Amino acid sequence: MPRATVISVLWEMLDHRFTAAHASEYLDGDLSNAGCTRVERHASVCPGCRVLFASLRRLVDTLPGLATPPRASIAGGVLERLQRES
């Protein structure tokens, strides 16, 4: 394998690791401009990372709808009932 090809493959692997490791920071807008450029460049050529970002975006969009209101504490309910019964 030509040296240039080996170097290209190694950079691709490093970019893949970088992108996976910084996906949350990227989606949250907490990644540097250089990091964003690196992630976007890699995701433009990597189907796996595009799937990763699509999945994370769906997760981030779905989570707020799953929140349930806090339940009343058991202790509060027991105290309330004891006060009513006395």
PDB file of N, CA and C in Angstrom:
ATOM      1  N   MET A   1       0.857  -1.175   0.000  1.00  0.00           N
ATOM      2  CA  MET A   1       0.000   0.000   0.000  1.00  0.00           C
ATOM      3  C   MET A   1       0.904   1.240   0.000  1.00  0.00           C
ATOM      4  N   PRO A   2       0.645   2.203  -0.875  1.00  0.00           N
ATOM      5  CA  PRO A   2       1.463   3.415  -0.928  1.00  0.00           C
ATOM      6  C   PRO A   2       1.397   4.195   0.387  1.00  0.00           C
ATOM      7  N   ARG A   3       2.475   4.842   0.719  1.00  0.00           N
ATOM      8  CA  ARG A   3       2.589   5.594   1.971  1.00  0.00           C
ATOM      9  C   ARG A   3       1.461   6.624   2.113  1.00  0.00           C
ATOM     10  N   ALA A   4       1.151   7.335   1.034  1.00  0.00           N
ATOM     11  CA  ALA A   4       0.093   8.346   1.079  1.00  0.00           C
ATOM     12  C   ALA A   4      -1.249   7.728   1.435  1.00  0.00           C
ATOM     13  N   THR A   5      -1.516   6.546   0.945  1.00  0.00           N
ATOM     14  CA  THR A   5      -2.772   5.855   1.257  1.00  0.00           C
ATOM     15  C   THR A   5      -2.815   5.464   2.727  1.00  0.00           C
ATOM     16  N   VAL A   6      -1.696   4.979   3.240  1.00  0.00           N
ATOM     17  CA  VAL A   6      -1.632   4.592   4.652  1.00  0.00           C
ATOM     18  C   VAL A   6      -1.885   5.799   5.536  1.00  0.00           C
ATOM     19  N   ILE A   7      -1.253   6.909   5.216  1.00  0.00           N
ATOM     20  CA  ILE A   7      -1.436   8.136   6.001  1.00  0.00           C
ATOM     21  C   ILE A   7      -2.885   8.598   5.929  1.00  0.00           C
ATOM     22  N   SER A   8      -3.472   8.531   4.750  1.00  0.00           N
ATOM     23  CA  SER A   8      -4.879   8.926   4.584  1.00  0.00           C
ATOM     24  C   SER A   8      -5.797   8.048   5.433  1.00  0.00           C
ATOM     25  N   VAL A   9      -5.568   6.767   5.441  1.00  0.00           N
ATOM     26  CA  VAL A   9      -6.378   5.836   6.229  1.00  0.00           C
ATOM     27  C   VAL A   9      -6.217   6.123   7.721  1.00  0.00           C
ATOM     28  N   LEU A  10      -4.993   6.392   8.146  1.00  0.00           N
ATOM     29  CA  LEU A  10      -4.755   6.702   9.560  1.00  0.00           C
ATOM     30  C   LEU A  10      -5.464   7.990   9.977  1.00  0.00           C
ATOM     31  N   TRP A  11      -5.403   9.016   9.139  1.00  0.00           N
ATOM     32  CA  TRP A  11      -6.107  10.267   9.455  1.00  0.00           C
ATOM     33  C   TRP A  11      -7.614  10.029   9.528  1.00  0.00           C
ATOM     34  N   GLU A  12      -8.118   9.228   8.623  1.00  0.00           N
ATOM     35  CA  GLU A  12      -9.551   8.922   8.634  1.00  0.00           C
ATOM     36  C   GLU A  12      -9.953   8.231   9.933  1.00  0.00           C
ATOM     37  N   MET A  13      -9.118   7.311  10.392  1.00  0.00           N
ATOM     38  CA  MET A  13      -9.398   6.613  11.650  1.00  0.00           C
ATOM     39  C   MET A  13      -9.352   7.582  12.822  1.00  0.00           C
ATOM     40  N   LEU A  14      -8.373   8.483  12.827  1.00  0.00           N
ATOM     41  CA  LEU A  14      -8.266   9.461  13.904  1.00  0.00           C
ATOM     42  C   LEU A  14      -9.462  10.412  13.892  1.00  0.00           C
ATOM     43  N   ASP A  15      -9.866  10.852  12.702  1.00  0.00           N
ATOM     44  CA  ASP A  15     -11.035  11.724  12.596  1.00  0.00           C
ATOM     45  C   ASP A  15     -12.303  11.004  13.048  1.00  0.00           C
ATOM     46  N   HIS A  16     -12.397   9.726  12.741  1.00  0.00           N
ATOM     47  CA  HIS A  16     -13.563   8.950  13.162  1.00  0.00           C
ATOM     48  C   HIS A  16     -13.624   8.887  14.692  1.00  0.00           C
ATOM     49  N   ARG A  17     -12.506   8.594  15.318  1.00  0.00           N
ATOM     50  CA  ARG A  17     -12.461   8.554  16.784  1.00  0.00           C
ATOM     51  C   ARG A  17     -12.781   9.927  17.371  1.00  0.00           C
ATOM     52  N   PHE A  18     -12.195  10.967  16.797  1.00  0.00           N
ATOM     53  CA  PHE A  18     -12.434  12.324  17.286  1.00  0.00           C
ATOM     54  C   PHE A  18     -13.915  12.669  17.188  1.00  0.00           C
ATOM     55  N   THR A  19     -14.513  12.364  16.046  1.00  0.00           N
ATOM     56  CA  THR A  19     -15.923  12.682  15.822  1.00  0.00           C
ATOM     57  C   THR A  19     -16.813  11.948  16.813  1.00  0.00           C
ATOM     58  N   ALA A  20     -16.590  10.678  17.014  1.00  0.00           N
ATOM     59  CA  ALA A  20     -17.398   9.914  17.971  1.00  0.00           C
ATOM     60  C   ALA A  20     -17.212  10.437  19.389  1.00  0.00           C
ATOM     61  N   ALA A  21     -15.992  10.791  19.747  1.00  0.00           N
ATOM     62  CA  ALA A  21     -15.706  11.259  21.105  1.00  0.00           C
ATOM     63  C   ALA A  21     -16.276  12.648  21.379  1.00  0.00           C
ATOM     64  N   HIS A  22     -16.462  13.446  20.341  1.00  0.00           N
ATOM     65  CA  HIS A  22     -16.917  14.824  20.531  1.00  0.00           C
ATOM     66  C   HIS A  22     -18.309  15.091  19.960  1.00  0.00           C
ATOM     67  N   ALA A  23     -19.062  14.051  19.686  1.00  0.00           N
ATOM     68  CA  ALA A  23     -20.389  14.216  19.077  1.00  0.00           C
ATOM     69  C   ALA A  23     -21.321  15.048  19.957  1.00  0.00           C
ATOM     70  N   SER A  24     -21.349  14.774  21.251  1.00  0.00           N
ATOM     71  CA  SER A  24     -22.238  15.520  22.145  1.00  0.00           C
ATOM     72  C   SER A  24     -21.845  16.987  22.226  1.00  0.00           C
ATOM     73  N   GLU A  25     -20.547  17.237  22.335  1.00  0.00           N
ATOM     74  CA  GLU A  25     -20.079  18.628  22.374  1.00  0.00           C
ATOM     75  C   GLU A  25     -20.473  19.359  21.093  1.00  0.00           C
ATOM     76  N   TYR A  26     -20.354  18.676  19.969  1.00  0.00           N
ATOM     77  CA  TYR A  26     -20.714  19.274  18.690  1.00  0.00           C
ATOM     78  C   TYR A  26     -22.198  19.635  18.668  1.00  0.00           C
ATOM     79  N   LEU A  27     -23.046  18.696  19.055  1.00  0.00           N
ATOM     80  CA  LEU A  27     -24.492  18.942  19.026  1.00  0.00           C
ATOM     81  C   LEU A  27     -24.910  20.007  20.025  1.00  0.00           C
ATOM     82  N   ASP A  28     -24.191  20.101  21.138  1.00  0.00           N
ATOM     83  CA  ASP A  28     -24.510  21.106  22.157  1.00  0.00           C
ATOM     84  C   ASP A  28     -23.945  22.479  21.825  1.00  0.00           C
ATOM     85  N   GLY A  29     -23.136  22.569  20.776  1.00  0.00           N
ATOM     86  CA  GLY A  29     -22.523  23.841  20.405  1.00  0.00           C
ATOM     87  C   GLY A  29     -21.336  24.206  21.278  1.00  0.00           C
ATOM     88  N   ASP A  30     -20.745  23.207  21.951  1.00  0.00           N
ATOM     89  CA  ASP A  30     -19.637  23.454  22.859  1.00  0.00           C
ATOM     90  C   ASP A  30     -18.269  23.121  22.276  1.00  0.00           C
ATOM     91  N   LEU A  31     -18.209  22.797  21.008  1.00  0.00           N
ATOM     92  CA  LEU A  31     -16.948  22.408  20.375  1.00  0.00           C
ATOM     93  C   LEU A  31     -16.347  23.630  19.678  1.00  0.00           C
ATOM     94  N   SER A  32     -15.043  23.726  19.705  1.00  0.00           N
ATOM     95  CA  SER A  32     -14.352  24.844  19.047  1.00  0.00           C
ATOM     96  C   SER A  32     -14.663  24.860  17.550  1.00  0.00           C
ATOM     97  N   ASN A  33     -14.382  26.000  16.924  1.00  0.00           N
ATOM     98  CA  ASN A  33     -14.603  26.103  15.477  1.00  0.00           C
ATOM     99  C   ASN A  33     -13.790  25.065  14.719  1.00  0.00           C
ATOM    100  N   ALA A  34     -12.544  24.876  15.139  1.00  0.00           N
ATOM    101  CA  ALA A  34     -11.691  23.879  14.470  1.00  0.00           C
ATOM    102  C   ALA A  34     -12.257  22.479  14.671  1.00  0.00           C
ATOM    103  N   GLY A  35     -12.759  22.193  15.864  1.00  0.00           N
ATOM    104  CA  GLY A  35     -13.358  20.892  16.134  1.00  0.00           C
ATOM    105  C   GLY A  35     -14.611  20.675  15.309  1.00  0.00           C
ATOM    106  N   CYS A  36     -15.431  21.715  15.201  1.00  0.00           N
ATOM    107  CA  CYS A  36     -16.658  21.616  14.391  1.00  0.00           C
ATOM    108  C   CYS A  36     -16.314  21.338  12.933  1.00  0.00           C
ATOM    109  N   THR A  37     -15.317  22.031  12.423  1.00  0.00           N
ATOM    110  CA  THR A  37     -14.898  21.819  11.037  1.00  0.00           C
ATOM    111  C   THR A  37     -14.438  20.382  10.837  1.00  0.00           C
ATOM    112  N   ARG A  38     -13.669  19.876  11.800  1.00  0.00           N
ATOM    113  CA  ARG A  38     -13.169  18.501  11.698  1.00  0.00           C
ATOM    114  C   ARG A  38     -14.308  17.496  11.715  1.00  0.00           C
ATOM    115  N   VAL A  39     -15.257  17.703  12.620  1.00  0.00           N
ATOM    116  CA  VAL A  39     -16.410  16.796  12.737  1.00  0.00           C
ATOM    117  C   VAL A  39     -17.253  16.846  11.469  1.00  0.00           C
ATOM    118  N   GLU A  40     -17.535  18.050  10.988  1.00  0.00           N
ATOM    119  CA  GLU A  40     -18.379  18.188   9.791  1.00  0.00           C
ATOM    120  C   GLU A  40     -17.711  17.586   8.563  1.00  0.00           C
ATOM    121  N   ARG A  41     -16.409  17.789   8.422  1.00  0.00           N
ATOM    122  CA  ARG A  41     -15.677  17.221   7.292  1.00  0.00           C
ATOM    123  C   ARG A  41     -15.741  15.693   7.338  1.00  0.00           C
ATOM    124  N   HIS A  42     -15.527  15.131   8.535  1.00  0.00           N
ATOM    125  CA  HIS A  42     -15.547  13.680   8.649  1.00  0.00           C
ATOM    126  C   HIS A  42     -16.962  13.128   8.418  1.00  0.00           C
ATOM    127  N   ALA A  43     -17.953  13.747   9.037  1.00  0.00           N
ATOM    128  CA  ALA A  43     -19.328  13.247   8.895  1.00  0.00           C
ATOM    129  C   ALA A  43     -19.814  13.322   7.453  1.00  0.00           C
ATOM    130  N   SER A  44     -19.233  14.225   6.671  1.00  0.00           N
ATOM    131  CA  SER A  44     -19.650  14.332   5.268  1.00  0.00           C
ATOM    132  C   SER A  44     -19.214  13.122   4.441  1.00  0.00           C
ATOM    133  N   VAL A  45     -18.232  12.371   4.940  1.00  0.00           N
ATOM    134  CA  VAL A  45     -17.754  11.206   4.186  1.00  0.00           C
ATOM    135  C   VAL A  45     -17.950   9.888   4.923  1.00  0.00           C
ATOM    136  N   CYS A  46     -18.472   9.941   6.151  1.00  0.00           N
ATOM    137  CA  CYS A  46     -18.611   8.726   6.958  1.00  0.00           C
ATOM    138  C   CYS A  46     -20.081   8.420   7.242  1.00  0.00           C
ATOM    139  N   PRO A  47     -20.635   7.414   6.599  1.00  0.00           N
ATOM    140  CA  PRO A  47     -22.036   7.067   6.833  1.00  0.00           C
ATOM    141  C   PRO A  47     -22.312   6.713   8.294  1.00  0.00           C
ATOM    142  N   GLY A  48     -21.387   6.042   8.941  1.00  0.00           N
ATOM    143  CA  GLY A  48     -21.593   5.659  10.338  1.00  0.00           C
ATOM    144  C   GLY A  48     -21.742   6.858  11.254  1.00  0.00           C
ATOM    145  N   CYS A  49     -20.944   7.875  11.031  1.00  0.00           N
ATOM    146  CA  CYS A  49     -21.039   9.076  11.863  1.00  0.00           C
ATOM    147  C   CYS A  49     -22.295   9.882  11.540  1.00  0.00           C
ATOM    148  N   ARG A  50     -22.722   9.865  10.284  1.00  0.00           N
ATOM    149  CA  ARG A  50     -23.991  10.528   9.951  1.00  0.00           C
ATOM    150  C   ARG A  50     -25.142   9.850  10.680  1.00  0.00           C
ATOM    151  N   VAL A  51     -25.115   8.525  10.757  1.00  0.00           N
ATOM    152  CA  VAL A  51     -26.143   7.784  11.497  1.00  0.00           C
ATOM    153  C   VAL A  51     -26.059   8.129  12.984  1.00  0.00           C
ATOM    154  N   LEU A  52     -24.843   8.203  13.518  1.00  0.00           N
ATOM    155  CA  LEU A  52     -24.657   8.571  14.921  1.00  0.00           C
ATOM    156  C   LEU A  52     -25.292   9.921  15.211  1.00  0.00           C
ATOM    157  N   PHE A  53     -25.012  10.928  14.387  1.00  0.00           N
ATOM    158  CA  PHE A  53     -25.570  12.261  14.609  1.00  0.00           C
ATOM    159  C   PHE A  53     -27.087  12.276  14.468  1.00  0.00           C
ATOM    160  N   ALA A  54     -27.617  11.553  13.509  1.00  0.00           N
ATOM    161  CA  ALA A  54     -29.075  11.494  13.345  1.00  0.00           C
ATOM    162  C   ALA A  54     -29.716  10.859  14.577  1.00  0.00           C
ATOM    163  N   SER A  55     -29.102   9.811  15.093  1.00  0.00           N
ATOM    164  CA  SER A  55     -29.637   9.144  16.289  1.00  0.00           C
ATOM    165  C   SER A  55     -29.569  10.056  17.499  1.00  0.00           C
ATOM    166  N   LEU A  56     -28.445  10.734  17.675  1.00  0.00           N
ATOM    167  CA  LEU A  56     -28.311  11.642  18.824  1.00  0.00           C
ATOM    168  C   LEU A  56     -29.293  12.809  18.733  1.00  0.00           C
ATOM    169  N   ARG A  57     -29.493  13.319  17.524  1.00  0.00           N
ATOM    170  CA  ARG A  57     -30.468  14.424  17.371  1.00  0.00           C
ATOM    171  C   ARG A  57     -31.877  13.956  17.703  1.00  0.00           C
ATOM    172  N   ARG A  58     -32.239  12.752  17.258  1.00  0.00           N
ATOM    173  CA  ARG A  58     -33.572  12.217  17.603  1.00  0.00           C
ATOM    174  C   ARG A  58     -33.704  12.052  19.109  1.00  0.00           C
ATOM    175  N   LEU A  59     -32.660  11.555  19.743  1.00  0.00           N
ATOM    176  CA  LEU A  59     -32.670  11.366  21.186  1.00  0.00           C
ATOM    177  C   LEU A  59     -32.845  12.695  21.910  1.00  0.00           C
ATOM    178  N   VAL A  60     -32.075  13.682  21.510  1.00  0.00           N
ATOM    179  CA  VAL A  60     -32.153  15.008  22.138  1.00  0.00           C
ATOM    180  C   VAL A  60     -33.534  15.618  21.924  1.00  0.00           C
ATOM    181  N   ASP A  61     -34.111  15.425  20.758  1.00  0.00           N
ATOM    182  CA  ASP A  61     -35.443  15.965  20.468  1.00  0.00           C
ATOM    183  C   ASP A  61     -36.540  15.228  21.216  1.00  0.00           C
ATOM    184  N   THR A  62     -36.342  13.939  21.496  1.00  0.00           N
ATOM    185  CA  THR A  62     -37.371  13.111  22.122  1.00  0.00           C
ATOM    186  C   THR A  62     -37.368  13.209  23.646  1.00  0.00           C
ATOM    187  N   LEU A  63     -36.214  13.344  24.245  1.00  0.00           N
ATOM    188  CA  LEU A  63     -36.095  13.304  25.703  1.00  0.00           C
ATOM    189  C   LEU A  63     -37.010  14.279  26.441  1.00  0.00           C
ATOM    190  N   PRO A  64     -37.122  15.526  26.029  1.00  0.00           N
ATOM    191  CA  PRO A  64     -37.995  16.434  26.787  1.00  0.00           C
ATOM    192  C   PRO A  64     -39.445  15.958  26.857  1.00  0.00           C
ATOM    193  N   GLY A  65     -39.911  15.272  25.837  1.00  0.00           N
ATOM    194  CA  GLY A  65     -41.280  14.770  25.833  1.00  0.00           C
ATOM    195  C   GLY A  65     -41.490  13.586  26.756  1.00  0.00           C
ATOM    196  N   LEU A  66     -40.412  12.969  27.204  1.00  0.00           N
ATOM    197  CA  LEU A  66     -40.513  11.812  28.078  1.00  0.00           C
ATOM    198  C   LEU A  66     -40.536  12.183  29.557  1.00  0.00           C
ATOM    199  N   ALA A  67     -40.274  13.434  29.849  1.00  0.00           N
ATOM    200  CA  ALA A  67     -40.232  13.856  31.254  1.00  0.00           C
ATOM    201  C   ALA A  67     -41.600  13.675  31.902  1.00  0.00           C
ATOM    202  N   THR A  68     -41.599  13.138  33.075  1.00  0.00           N
ATOM    203  CA  THR A  68     -42.840  12.970  33.827  1.00  0.00           C
ATOM    204  C   THR A  68     -42.814  13.916  35.009  1.00  0.00           C
ATOM    205  N   PRO A  69     -43.967  14.412  35.389  1.00  0.00           N
ATOM    206  CA  PRO A  69     -43.992  15.320  36.534  1.00  0.00           C
ATOM    207  C   PRO A  69     -43.569  14.567  37.797  1.00  0.00           C
ATOM    208  N   PRO A  70     -42.919  15.256  38.707  1.00  0.00           N
ATOM    209  CA  PRO A  70     -42.497  14.573  39.926  1.00  0.00           C
ATOM    210  C   PRO A  70     -43.704  14.061  40.710  1.00  0.00           C
ATOM    211  N   ARG A  71     -43.540  12.871  41.249  1.00  0.00           N
ATOM    212  CA  ARG A  71     -44.605  12.298  42.063  1.00  0.00           C
ATOM    213  C   ARG A  71     -44.518  12.863  43.467  1.00  0.00           C
ATOM    214  N   ALA A  72     -45.661  12.962  44.096  1.00  0.00           N
ATOM    215  CA  ALA A  72     -45.668  13.400  45.488  1.00  0.00           C
ATOM    216  C   ALA A  72     -44.913  12.353  46.299  1.00  0.00           C
ATOM    217  N   SER A  73     -44.201  12.824  47.283  1.00  0.00           N
ATOM    218  CA  SER A  73     -43.431  11.874  48.080  1.00  0.00           C
ATOM    219  C   SER A  73     -44.367  11.003  48.908  1.00  0.00           C
ATOM    220  N   ILE A  74     -43.930   9.804  49.152  1.00  0.00           N
ATOM    221  CA  ILE A  74     -44.721   8.876  49.964  1.00  0.00           C
ATOM    222  C   ILE A  74     -44.895   9.432  51.363  1.00  0.00           C
ATOM    223  N   ALA A  75     -43.818   9.988  51.904  1.00  0.00           N
ATOM    224  CA  ALA A  75     -43.885  10.537  53.266  1.00  0.00           C
ATOM    225  C   ALA A  75     -44.924  11.644  53.352  1.00  0.00           C
ATOM    226  N   GLY A  76     -44.950  12.529  52.344  1.00  0.00           N
ATOM    227  CA  GLY A  76     -45.937  13.610  52.353  1.00  0.00           C
ATOM    228  C   GLY A  76     -47.350  13.066  52.303  1.00  0.00           C
ATOM    229  N   GLY A  77     -47.568  12.043  51.493  1.00  0.00           N
ATOM    230  CA  GLY A  77     -48.897  11.443  51.396  1.00  0.00           C
ATOM    231  C   GLY A  77     -49.320  10.764  52.686  1.00  0.00           C
ATOM    232  N   VAL A  78     -48.401  10.111  53.348  1.00  0.00           N
ATOM    233  CA  VAL A  78     -48.695   9.440  54.627  1.00  0.00           C
ATOM    234  C   VAL A  78     -49.022  10.493  55.688  1.00  0.00           C
ATOM    235  N   LEU A  79     -48.226  11.548  55.730  1.00  0.00           N
ATOM    236  CA  LEU A  79     -48.490  12.600  56.721  1.00  0.00           C
ATOM    237  C   LEU A  79     -49.845  13.246  56.478  1.00  0.00           C
ATOM    238  N   GLU A  80     -50.173  13.496  55.231  1.00  0.00           N
ATOM    239  CA  GLU A  80     -51.461  14.090  54.879  1.00  0.00           C
ATOM    240  C   GLU A  80     -52.602  13.199  55.341  1.00  0.00           C
ATOM    241  N   ARG A  81     -52.483  11.907  55.077  1.00  0.00           N
ATOM    242  CA  ARG A  81     -53.532  10.963  55.463  1.00  0.00           C
ATOM    243  C   ARG A  81     -53.652  10.868  56.980  1.00  0.00           C
ATOM    244  N   LEU A  82     -52.539  10.853  57.675  1.00  0.00           N
ATOM    245  CA  LEU A  82     -52.584  10.799  59.149  1.00  0.00           C
ATOM    246  C   LEU A  82     -53.255  12.039  59.716  1.00  0.00           C
ATOM    247  N   GLN A  83     -52.988  13.190  59.131  1.00  0.00           N
ATOM    248  CA  GLN A  83     -53.604  14.424  59.613  1.00  0.00           C
ATOM    249  C   GLN A  83     -55.115  14.416  59.360  1.00  0.00           C
ATOM    250  N   ARG A  84     -55.524  13.878  58.226  1.00  0.00           N
ATOM    251  CA  ARG A  84     -56.961  13.801  57.933  1.00  0.00           C
ATOM    252  C   ARG A  84     -57.669  12.838  58.871  1.00  0.00           C
ATOM    253  N   GLU A  85     -56.993  11.751  59.241  1.00  0.00           N
ATOM    254  CA  GLU A  85     -57.615  10.731  60.079  1.00  0.00           C
ATOM    255  C   GLU A  85     -57.621  11.101  61.562  1.00  0.00           C
ATOM    256  N   SER A  86     -56.820  12.060  61.959  1.00  0.00           N
ATOM    257  CA  SER A  86     -56.797  12.369  63.390  1.00  0.00           C
ATOM    258  C   SER A  86     -57.758  13.449  63.780  1.00  0.00           C
TER     259      SER A  86
END
